[in-house]
């Protein structure tokens, strides 16, 4: 699932892209990878690229944003790719981790 947000990086307006990739690498658990892009440039995040929960991925993006002066406008969210409905439900359930105060 690919989402786009309008926001600012150090006060400069820009567009951010979140690319969420769910991989079922084993029968007992799912793994998620999330990339944050500014334009076409992928930003490096703090820890690993693969997490066992979507919530952990979103928390990492939140911490990265907080540390680097990046803000998203939650109302500008657009889904720009096809997605599995379960992924959308799971993202909506865990979205609070991305938009903490």
PDB file of N, CA and C in Angstrom:
ATOM      1  N   UNK A   1       0.851  -1.154   0.000  1.00  0.00           N
ATOM      2  CA  UNK A   1       0.000   0.000   0.000  1.00  0.00           C
ATOM      3  C   UNK A   1       0.909   1.233   0.000  1.00  0.00           C
ATOM      4  N   UNK A   2       0.587   2.195  -0.846  1.00  0.00           N
ATOM      5  CA  UNK A   2       1.370   3.422  -0.937  1.00  0.00           C
ATOM      6  C   UNK A   2       0.463   4.605  -0.607  1.00  0.00           C
ATOM      7  N   UNK A   3       0.922   5.427   0.355  1.00  0.00           N
ATOM      8  CA  UNK A   3       0.168   6.603   0.783  1.00  0.00           C
ATOM      9  C   UNK A   3       1.011   7.847   0.564  1.00  0.00           C
ATOM     10  N   UNK A   4       0.357   8.946   0.213  1.00  0.00           N
ATOM     11  CA  UNK A   4       1.043  10.233   0.051  1.00  0.00           C
ATOM     12  C   UNK A   4       0.451  11.242   1.018  1.00  0.00           C
ATOM     13  N   UNK A   5       1.324  12.080   1.569  1.00  0.00           N
ATOM     14  CA  UNK A   5       0.941  13.149   2.492  1.00  0.00           C
ATOM     15  C   UNK A   5       1.624  14.440   2.077  1.00  0.00           C
ATOM     16  N   UNK A   6       0.921  15.543   2.272  1.00  0.00           N
ATOM     17  CA  UNK A   6       1.537  16.865   2.166  1.00  0.00           C
ATOM     18  C   UNK A   6       2.100  17.180   3.544  1.00  0.00           C
ATOM     19  N   UNK A   7       3.205  17.870   3.582  1.00  0.00           N
ATOM     20  CA  UNK A   7       3.796  18.211   4.864  1.00  0.00           C
ATOM     21  C   UNK A   7       4.945  19.170   4.705  1.00  0.00           C
ATOM     22  N   UNK A   8       5.737  19.264   5.751  1.00  0.00           N
ATOM     23  CA  UNK A   8       6.889  20.160   5.749  1.00  0.00           C
ATOM     24  C   UNK A   8       8.104  19.436   6.309  1.00  0.00           C
ATOM     25  N   UNK A   9       9.251  19.767   5.739  1.00  0.00           N
ATOM     26  CA  UNK A   9      10.529  19.287   6.255  1.00  0.00           C
ATOM     27  C   UNK A   9      11.353  20.527   6.581  1.00  0.00           C
ATOM     28  N   UNK A  10      11.589  20.770   7.867  1.00  0.00           N
ATOM     29  CA  UNK A  10      12.276  21.982   8.332  1.00  0.00           C
ATOM     30  C   UNK A  10      11.620  23.248   7.763  1.00  0.00           C
ATOM     31  N   UNK A  11      10.280  23.263   7.744  1.00  0.00           N
ATOM     32  CA  UNK A  11       9.539  24.435   7.303  1.00  0.00           C
ATOM     33  C   UNK A  11       9.331  24.552   5.804  1.00  0.00           C
ATOM     34  N   UNK A  12       9.923  23.669   5.021  1.00  0.00           N
ATOM     35  CA  UNK A  12       9.791  23.714   3.566  1.00  0.00           C
ATOM     36  C   UNK A  12       8.676  22.749   3.130  1.00  0.00           C
ATOM     37  N   UNK A  13       7.622  23.246   2.458  1.00  0.00           N
ATOM     38  CA  UNK A  13       6.524  22.363   2.029  1.00  0.00           C
ATOM     39  C   UNK A  13       7.020  21.293   1.049  1.00  0.00           C
ATOM     40  N   UNK A  14       6.565  20.071   1.249  1.00  0.00           N
ATOM     41  CA  UNK A  14       6.957  18.979   0.364  1.00  0.00           C
ATOM     42  C   UNK A  14       5.930  17.849   0.448  1.00  0.00           C
ATOM     43  N   UNK A  15       6.080  16.864  -0.416  1.00  0.00           N
ATOM     44  CA  UNK A  15       5.215  15.688  -0.435  1.00  0.00           C
ATOM     45  C   UNK A  15       5.999  14.490   0.083  1.00  0.00           C
ATOM     46  N   UNK A  16       5.354  13.727   0.962  1.00  0.00           N
ATOM     47  CA  UNK A  16       5.971  12.533   1.527  1.00  0.00           C
ATOM     48  C   UNK A  16       5.204  11.303   1.063  1.00  0.00           C
ATOM     49  N   UNK A  17       5.928  10.225   0.831  1.00  0.00           N
ATOM     50  CA  UNK A  17       5.326   8.964   0.420  1.00  0.00           C
ATOM     51  C   UNK A  17       5.686   7.891   1.438  1.00  0.00           C
ATOM     52  N   UNK A  18       4.669   7.170   1.915  1.00  0.00           N
ATOM     53  CA  UNK A  18       4.882   6.005   2.773  1.00  0.00           C
ATOM     54  C   UNK A  18       4.591   4.771   1.940  1.00  0.00           C
ATOM     55  N   UNK A  19       5.546   3.887   1.859  1.00  0.00           N
ATOM     56  CA  UNK A  19       5.378   2.629   1.134  1.00  0.00           C
ATOM     57  C   UNK A  19       5.361   1.521   2.167  1.00  0.00           C
ATOM     58  N   UNK A  20       4.225   0.865   2.326  1.00  0.00           N
ATOM     59  CA  UNK A  20       4.082  -0.200   3.322  1.00  0.00           C
ATOM     60  C   UNK A  20       4.003  -1.529   2.580  1.00  0.00           C
ATOM     61  N   UNK A  21       4.922  -2.414   2.908  1.00  0.00           N
ATOM     62  CA  UNK A  21       4.991  -3.717   2.250  1.00  0.00           C
ATOM     63  C   UNK A  21       4.802  -4.784   3.310  1.00  0.00           C
ATOM     64  N   UNK A  22       3.753  -5.572   3.176  1.00  0.00           N
ATOM     65  CA  UNK A  22       3.507  -6.673   4.094  1.00  0.00           C
ATOM     66  C   UNK A  22       3.989  -7.971   3.472  1.00  0.00           C
ATOM     67  N   UNK A  23       4.829  -8.673   4.169  1.00  0.00           N
ATOM     68  CA  UNK A  23       5.370  -9.944   3.671  1.00  0.00           C
ATOM     69  C   UNK A  23       5.059 -11.048   4.662  1.00  0.00           C
ATOM     70  N   UNK A  24       4.524 -12.108   4.187  1.00  0.00           N
ATOM     71  CA  UNK A  24       4.286 -13.255   5.047  1.00  0.00           C
ATOM     72  C   UNK A  24       5.435 -14.227   4.822  1.00  0.00           C
ATOM     73  N   UNK A  25       6.489 -14.052   5.619  1.00  0.00           N
ATOM     74  CA  UNK A  25       7.695 -14.859   5.434  1.00  0.00           C
ATOM     75  C   UNK A  25       7.624 -16.214   6.117  1.00  0.00           C
ATOM     76  N   UNK A  26       6.711 -16.349   7.045  1.00  0.00           N
ATOM     77  CA  UNK A  26       6.535 -17.643   7.695  1.00  0.00           C
ATOM     78  C   UNK A  26       5.044 -17.852   7.940  1.00  0.00           C
ATOM     79  N   UNK A  27       4.682 -19.069   8.241  1.00  0.00           N
ATOM     80  CA  UNK A  27       3.257 -19.359   8.464  1.00  0.00           C
ATOM     81  C   UNK A  27       2.769 -18.841   9.808  1.00  0.00           C
ATOM     82  N   UNK A  28       3.692 -18.530  10.717  1.00  0.00           N
ATOM     83  CA  UNK A  28       3.283 -18.127  12.061  1.00  0.00           C
ATOM     84  C   UNK A  28       3.275 -16.616  12.273  1.00  0.00           C
ATOM     85  N   UNK A  29       3.898 -15.851  11.368  1.00  0.00           N
ATOM     86  CA  UNK A  29       3.927 -14.407  11.587  1.00  0.00           C
ATOM     87  C   UNK A  29       4.039 -13.659  10.271  1.00  0.00           C
ATOM     88  N   UNK A  30       3.632 -12.411  10.293  1.00  0.00           N
ATOM     89  CA  UNK A  30       3.794 -11.517   9.155  1.00  0.00           C
ATOM     90  C   UNK A  30       4.901 -10.530   9.478  1.00  0.00           C
ATOM     91  N   UNK A  31       5.508 -10.004   8.452  1.00  0.00           N
ATOM     92  CA  UNK A  31       6.544  -8.996   8.613  1.00  0.00           C
ATOM     93  C   UNK A  31       6.199  -7.807   7.736  1.00  0.00           C
ATOM     94  N   UNK A  32       6.537  -6.612   8.208  1.00  0.00           N
ATOM     95  CA  UNK A  32       6.222  -5.391   7.487  1.00  0.00           C
ATOM     96  C   UNK A  32       7.480  -4.579   7.258  1.00  0.00           C
ATOM     97  N   UNK A  33       7.521  -3.959   6.112  1.00  0.00           N
ATOM     98  CA  UNK A  33       8.602  -3.046   5.772  1.00  0.00           C
ATOM     99  C   UNK A  33       7.946  -1.725   5.408  1.00  0.00           C
ATOM    100  N   UNK A  34       8.503  -0.620   5.871  1.00  0.00           N
ATOM    101  CA  UNK A  34       7.944   0.676   5.560  1.00  0.00           C
ATOM    102  C   UNK A  34       9.069   1.597   5.121  1.00  0.00           C
ATOM    103  N   UNK A  35       8.858   2.315   4.039  1.00  0.00           N
ATOM    104  CA  UNK A  35       9.841   3.262   3.526  1.00  0.00           C
ATOM    105  C   UNK A  35       9.222   4.652   3.552  1.00  0.00           C
ATOM    106  N   UNK A  36      10.009   5.645   3.907  1.00  0.00           N
ATOM    107  CA  UNK A  36       9.584   7.039   3.869  1.00  0.00           C
ATOM    108  C   UNK A  36      10.372   7.717   2.761  1.00  0.00           C
ATOM    109  N   UNK A  37       9.664   8.310   1.810  1.00  0.00           N
ATOM    110  CA  UNK A  37      10.316   8.966   0.691  1.00  0.00           C
ATOM    111  C   UNK A  37       9.926  10.440   0.643  1.00  0.00           C
ATOM    112  N   UNK A  38      10.883  11.283   0.302  1.00  0.00           N
ATOM    113  CA  UNK A  38      10.633  12.689   0.005  1.00  0.00           C
ATOM    114  C   UNK A  38      10.937  12.828  -1.474  1.00  0.00           C
ATOM    115  N   UNK A  39       9.896  13.062  -2.267  1.00  0.00           N
ATOM    116  CA  UNK A  39      10.077  13.007  -3.711  1.00  0.00           C
ATOM    117  C   UNK A  39      10.435  11.577  -4.085  1.00  0.00           C
ATOM    118  N   UNK A  40      11.554  11.392  -4.767  1.00  0.00           N
ATOM    119  CA  UNK A  40      12.030  10.047  -5.120  1.00  0.00           C
ATOM    120  C   UNK A  40      13.117   9.554  -4.182  1.00  0.00           C
ATOM    121  N   UNK A  41      13.483  10.364  -3.198  1.00  0.00           N
ATOM    122  CA  UNK A  41      14.603  10.033  -2.309  1.00  0.00           C
ATOM    123  C   UNK A  41      14.102   9.294  -1.068  1.00  0.00           C
ATOM    124  N   UNK A  42      14.623   8.097  -0.854  1.00  0.00           N
ATOM    125  CA  UNK A  42      14.289   7.324   0.337  1.00  0.00           C
ATOM    126  C   UNK A  42      15.108   7.838   1.510  1.00  0.00           C
ATOM    127  N   UNK A  43      14.411   8.130   2.609  1.00  0.00           N
ATOM    128  CA  UNK A  43      15.106   8.602   3.801  1.00  0.00           C
ATOM    129  C   UNK A  43      15.502   7.414   4.668  1.00  0.00           C
ATOM    130  N   UNK A  44      16.711   7.439   5.221  1.00  0.00           N
ATOM    131  CA  UNK A  44      17.128   6.345   6.108  1.00  0.00           C
ATOM    132  C   UNK A  44      16.427   6.475   7.458  1.00  0.00           C
ATOM    133  N   UNK A  45      15.941   5.381   7.989  1.00  0.00           N
ATOM    134  CA  UNK A  45      15.291   5.397   9.297  1.00  0.00           C
ATOM    135  C   UNK A  45      16.260   4.840  10.331  1.00  0.00           C
ATOM    136  N   UNK A  46      15.836   4.822  11.596  1.00  0.00           N
ATOM    137  CA  UNK A  46      16.750   4.517  12.688  1.00  0.00           C
ATOM    138  C   UNK A  46      17.200   3.067  12.772  1.00  0.00           C
ATOM    139  N   UNK A  47      16.266   2.134  12.763  1.00  0.00           N
ATOM    140  CA  UNK A  47      16.622   0.743  13.067  1.00  0.00           C
ATOM    141  C   UNK A  47      16.513  -0.123  11.825  1.00  0.00           C
ATOM    142  N   UNK A  48      15.939  -1.239  11.969  1.00  0.00           N
ATOM    143  CA  UNK A  48      15.827  -2.189  10.873  1.00  0.00           C
ATOM    144  C   UNK A  48      14.703  -1.814   9.927  1.00  0.00           C
ATOM    145  N   UNK A  49      14.739  -2.332   8.737  1.00  0.00           N
ATOM    146  CA  UNK A  49      13.689  -2.056   7.767  1.00  0.00           C
ATOM    147  C   UNK A  49      12.517  -3.020   7.896  1.00  0.00           C
ATOM    148  N   UNK A  50      12.706  -4.151   8.562  1.00  0.00           N
ATOM    149  CA  UNK A  50      11.646  -5.150   8.662  1.00  0.00           C
ATOM    150  C   UNK A  50      11.211  -5.289  10.113  1.00  0.00           C
ATOM    151  N   UNK A  51       9.911  -5.212  10.338  1.00  0.00           N
ATOM    152  CA  UNK A  51       9.340  -5.308  11.679  1.00  0.00           C
ATOM    153  C   UNK A  51       8.279  -6.398  11.694  1.00  0.00           C
ATOM    154  N   UNK A  52       8.000  -6.911  12.881  1.00  0.00           N
ATOM    155  CA  UNK A  52       6.972  -7.939  12.996  1.00  0.00           C
ATOM    156  C   UNK A  52       5.585  -7.347  13.152  1.00  0.00           C
ATOM    157  N   UNK A  53       5.484  -6.028  13.338  1.00  0.00           N
ATOM    158  CA  UNK A  53       4.157  -5.425  13.426  1.00  0.00           C
ATOM    159  C   UNK A  53       4.146  -4.093  12.696  1.00  0.00           C
ATOM    160  N   UNK A  54       3.018  -3.764  12.127  1.00  0.00           N
ATOM    161  CA  UNK A  54       2.850  -2.489  11.452  1.00  0.00           C
ATOM    162  C   UNK A  54       2.959  -1.345  12.450  1.00  0.00           C
ATOM    163  N   UNK A  55       2.493  -1.567  13.656  1.00  0.00           N
ATOM    164  CA  UNK A  55       2.570  -0.554  14.705  1.00  0.00           C
ATOM    165  C   UNK A  55       4.020  -0.137  14.950  1.00  0.00           C
ATOM    166  N   UNK A  56       4.938  -1.089  15.016  1.00  0.00           N
ATOM    167  CA  UNK A  56       6.357  -0.769  15.219  1.00  0.00           C
ATOM    168  C   UNK A  56       6.924   0.021  14.044  1.00  0.00           C
ATOM    169  N   UNK A  57       6.512  -0.303  12.824  1.00  0.00           N
ATOM    170  CA  UNK A  57       6.955   0.451  11.653  1.00  0.00           C
ATOM    171  C   UNK A  57       6.522   1.910  11.759  1.00  0.00           C
ATOM    172  N   UNK A  58       5.266   2.121  12.111  1.00  0.00           N
ATOM    173  CA  UNK A  58       4.733   3.479  12.187  1.00  0.00           C
ATOM    174  C   UNK A  58       5.357   4.264  13.331  1.00  0.00           C
ATOM    175  N   UNK A  59       5.655   3.587  14.440  1.00  0.00           N
ATOM    176  CA  UNK A  59       6.338   4.259  15.552  1.00  0.00           C
ATOM    177  C   UNK A  59       7.724   4.717  15.122  1.00  0.00           C
ATOM    178  N   UNK A  60       8.419   3.907  14.345  1.00  0.00           N
ATOM    179  CA  UNK A  60       9.745   4.279  13.870  1.00  0.00           C
ATOM    180  C   UNK A  60       9.674   5.510  12.970  1.00  0.00           C
ATOM    181  N   UNK A  61       8.680   5.547  12.081  1.00  0.00           N
ATOM    182  CA  UNK A  61       8.513   6.713  11.209  1.00  0.00           C
ATOM    183  C   UNK A  61       8.184   7.944  12.046  1.00  0.00           C
ATOM    184  N   UNK A  62       7.346   7.798  13.067  1.00  0.00           N
ATOM    185  CA  UNK A  62       7.020   8.922  13.951  1.00  0.00           C
ATOM    186  C   UNK A  62       8.285   9.466  14.616  1.00  0.00           C
ATOM    187  N   UNK A  63       9.113   8.594  15.171  1.00  0.00           N
ATOM    188  CA  UNK A  63      10.338   9.037  15.843  1.00  0.00           C
ATOM    189  C   UNK A  63      11.298   9.706  14.862  1.00  0.00           C
ATOM    190  N   UNK A  64      11.398   9.158  13.664  1.00  0.00           N
ATOM    191  CA  UNK A  64      12.256   9.747  12.642  1.00  0.00           C
ATOM    192  C   UNK A  64      11.762  11.143  12.287  1.00  0.00           C
ATOM    193  N   UNK A  65      10.447  11.276  12.092  1.00  0.00           N
ATOM    194  CA  UNK A  65       9.859  12.577  11.759  1.00  0.00           C
ATOM    195  C   UNK A  65      10.109  13.595  12.871  1.00  0.00           C
ATOM    196  N   UNK A  66       9.905  13.170  14.105  1.00  0.00           N
ATOM    197  CA  UNK A  66      10.088  14.070  15.244  1.00  0.00           C
ATOM    198  C   UNK A  66      11.536  14.545  15.326  1.00  0.00           C
ATOM    199  N   UNK A  67      12.469  13.652  15.121  1.00  0.00           N
ATOM    200  CA  UNK A  67      13.894  13.960  15.208  1.00  0.00           C
ATOM    201  C   UNK A  67      14.366  14.871  14.076  1.00  0.00           C
ATOM    202  N   UNK A  68      13.722  14.767  12.892  1.00  0.00           N
ATOM    203  CA  UNK A  68      14.167  15.495  11.707  1.00  0.00           C
ATOM    204  C   UNK A  68      13.259  16.649  11.303  1.00  0.00           C
ATOM    205  N   UNK A  69      12.361  17.076  12.182  1.00  0.00           N
ATOM    206  CA  UNK A  69      11.527  18.244  11.902  1.00  0.00           C
ATOM    207  C   UNK A  69      10.567  18.065  10.751  1.00  0.00           C
ATOM    208  N   UNK A  70      10.040  16.860  10.585  1.00  0.00           N
ATOM    209  CA  UNK A  70       9.104  16.562   9.504  1.00  0.00           C
ATOM    210  C   UNK A  70       7.690  16.517  10.070  1.00  0.00           C
ATOM    211  N   UNK A  71       6.759  17.208   9.411  1.00  0.00           N
ATOM    212  CA  UNK A  71       5.349  17.146   9.808  1.00  0.00           C
ATOM    213  C   UNK A  71       4.516  16.698   8.623  1.00  0.00           C
ATOM    214  N   UNK A  72       3.477  15.923   8.916  1.00  0.00           N
ATOM    215  CA  UNK A  72       2.513  15.482   7.908  1.00  0.00           C
ATOM    216  C   UNK A  72       1.194  16.163   8.202  1.00  0.00           C
ATOM    217  N   UNK A  73       0.444  16.468   7.162  1.00  0.00           N
ATOM    218  CA  UNK A  73      -0.936  16.917   7.316  1.00  0.00           C
ATOM    219  C   UNK A  73      -1.806  15.672   7.158  1.00  0.00           C
ATOM    220  N   UNK A  74      -2.391  15.198   8.254  1.00  0.00           N
ATOM    221  CA  UNK A  74      -3.174  13.954   8.233  1.00  0.00           C
ATOM    222  C   UNK A  74      -4.346  14.038   7.267  1.00  0.00           C
ATOM    223  N   UNK A  75      -4.901  15.231   7.070  1.00  0.00           N
ATOM    224  CA  UNK A  75      -6.062  15.366   6.187  1.00  0.00           C
ATOM    225  C   UNK A  75      -5.686  15.271   4.710  1.00  0.00           C
ATOM    226  N   UNK A  76      -4.396  15.306   4.394  1.00  0.00           N
ATOM    227  CA  UNK A  76      -3.971  15.231   2.992  1.00  0.00           C
ATOM    228  C   UNK A  76      -3.690  13.794   2.540  1.00  0.00           C
ATOM    229  N   UNK A  77      -3.993  12.819   3.375  1.00  0.00           N
ATOM    230  CA  UNK A  77      -3.696  11.409   3.063  1.00  0.00           C
ATOM    231  C   UNK A  77      -4.406  10.961   1.797  1.00  0.00           C
ATOM    232  N   UNK A  78      -3.632  10.355   0.877  1.00  0.00           N
ATOM    233  CA  UNK A  78      -4.172   9.762  -0.351  1.00  0.00           C
ATOM    234  C   UNK A  78      -3.544   8.396  -0.539  1.00  0.00           C
ATOM    235  N   UNK A  79      -4.378   7.413  -0.826  1.00  0.00           N
ATOM    236  CA  UNK A  79      -3.864   6.086  -1.174  1.00  0.00           C
ATOM    237  C   UNK A  79      -3.684   6.081  -2.680  1.00  0.00           C
ATOM    238  N   UNK A  80      -2.464   5.806  -3.139  1.00  0.00           N
ATOM    239  CA  UNK A  80      -2.169   5.907  -4.570  1.00  0.00           C
ATOM    240  C   UNK A  80      -1.863   4.555  -5.215  1.00  0.00           C
ATOM    241  N   UNK A  81      -2.192   3.473  -4.540  1.00  0.00           N
ATOM    242  CA  UNK A  81      -1.960   2.150  -5.117  1.00  0.00           C
ATOM    243  C   UNK A  81      -3.106   1.221  -4.733  1.00  0.00           C
ATOM    244  N   UNK A  82      -3.164   0.094  -5.395  1.00  0.00           N
ATOM    245  CA  UNK A  82      -4.118  -0.930  -4.992  1.00  0.00           C
ATOM    246  C   UNK A  82      -3.670  -1.491  -3.647  1.00  0.00           C
ATOM    247  N   UNK A  83      -4.617  -1.956  -2.866  1.00  0.00           N
ATOM    248  CA  UNK A  83      -4.263  -2.493  -1.552  1.00  0.00           C
ATOM    249  C   UNK A  83      -5.230  -3.596  -1.170  1.00  0.00           C
ATOM    250  N   UNK A  84      -4.789  -4.415  -0.255  1.00  0.00           N
ATOM    251  CA  UNK A  84      -5.619  -5.467   0.316  1.00  0.00           C
ATOM    252  C   UNK A  84      -6.461  -4.810   1.414  1.00  0.00           C
ATOM    253  N   UNK A  85      -7.772  -4.997   1.421  1.00  0.00           N
ATOM    254  CA  UNK A  85      -8.615  -4.339   2.437  1.00  0.00           C
ATOM    255  C   UNK A  85      -8.136  -4.568   3.872  1.00  0.00           C
ATOM    256  N   UNK A  86      -7.615  -5.741   4.164  1.00  0.00           N
ATOM    257  CA  UNK A  86      -7.114  -6.010   5.517  1.00  0.00           C
ATOM    258  C   UNK A  86      -5.971  -5.060   5.869  1.00  0.00           C
ATOM    259  N   UNK A  87      -5.088  -4.770   4.898  1.00  0.00           N
ATOM    260  CA  UNK A  87      -3.980  -3.846   5.143  1.00  0.00           C
ATOM    261  C   UNK A  87      -4.503  -2.454   5.483  1.00  0.00           C
ATOM    262  N   UNK A  88      -5.556  -2.031   4.819  1.00  0.00           N
ATOM    263  CA  UNK A  88      -6.146  -0.710   5.088  1.00  0.00           C
ATOM    264  C   UNK A  88      -6.741  -0.665   6.501  1.00  0.00           C
ATOM    265  N   UNK A  89      -7.443  -1.710   6.881  1.00  0.00           N
ATOM    266  CA  UNK A  89      -8.026  -1.779   8.222  1.00  0.00           C
ATOM    267  C   UNK A  89      -6.915  -1.768   9.271  1.00  0.00           C
ATOM    268  N   UNK A  90      -5.882  -2.545   9.053  1.00  0.00           N
ATOM    269  CA  UNK A  90      -4.758  -2.616   9.985  1.00  0.00           C
ATOM    270  C   UNK A  90      -4.038  -1.263  10.080  1.00  0.00           C
ATOM    271  N   UNK A  91      -3.847  -0.603   8.939  1.00  0.00           N
ATOM    272  CA  UNK A  91      -3.215   0.713   8.943  1.00  0.00           C
ATOM    273  C   UNK A  91      -4.072   1.718   9.711  1.00  0.00           C
ATOM    274  N   UNK A  92      -5.366   1.748   9.457  1.00  0.00           N
ATOM    275  CA  UNK A  92      -6.248   2.689  10.163  1.00  0.00           C
ATOM    276  C   UNK A  92      -6.241   2.437  11.669  1.00  0.00           C
ATOM    277  N   UNK A  93      -6.178   1.183  12.064  1.00  0.00           N
ATOM    278  CA  UNK A  93      -6.150   0.832  13.487  1.00  0.00           C
ATOM    279  C   UNK A  93      -4.864   1.331  14.160  1.00  0.00           C
ATOM    280  N   UNK A  94      -3.745   1.282  13.428  1.00  0.00           N
ATOM    281  CA  UNK A  94      -2.446   1.653  13.996  1.00  0.00           C
ATOM    282  C   UNK A  94      -1.981   3.062  13.636  1.00  0.00           C
ATOM    283  N   UNK A  95      -2.787   3.801  12.894  1.00  0.00           N
ATOM    284  CA  UNK A  95      -2.380   5.122  12.414  1.00  0.00           C
ATOM    285  C   UNK A  95      -2.043   6.100  13.540  1.00  0.00           C
ATOM    286  N   UNK A  96      -2.648   5.894  14.727  1.00  0.00           N
ATOM    287  CA  UNK A  96      -2.371   6.779  15.861  1.00  0.00           C
ATOM    288  C   UNK A  96      -0.868   6.876  16.132  1.00  0.00           C
ATOM    289  N   UNK A  97      -0.126   5.800  15.875  1.00  0.00           N
ATOM    290  CA  UNK A  97       1.322   5.791  16.137  1.00  0.00           C
ATOM    291  C   UNK A  97       2.069   6.747  15.213  1.00  0.00           C
ATOM    292  N   UNK A  98       1.483   7.043  14.057  1.00  0.00           N
ATOM    293  CA  UNK A  98       2.107   7.928  13.098  1.00  0.00           C
ATOM    294  C   UNK A  98       1.846   9.397  13.414  1.00  0.00           C
ATOM    295  N   UNK A  99       0.697   9.676  14.039  1.00  0.00           N
ATOM    296  CA  UNK A  99       0.275  11.062  14.286  1.00  0.00           C
ATOM    297  C   UNK A  99       0.168  11.391  15.759  1.00  0.00           C
ATOM    298  N   UNK A 100       1.109  10.972  16.536  1.00  0.00           N
ATOM    299  CA  UNK A 100       1.103  11.312  17.971  1.00  0.00           C
ATOM    300  C   UNK A 100       1.323  12.805  18.138  1.00  0.00           C
ATOM    301  N   UNK A 101       0.888  13.319  19.261  1.00  0.00           N
ATOM    302  CA  UNK A 101       1.077  14.764  19.520  1.00  0.00           C
ATOM    303  C   UNK A 101       2.496  15.047  19.932  1.00  0.00           C
TER     304      UNK A 101
END
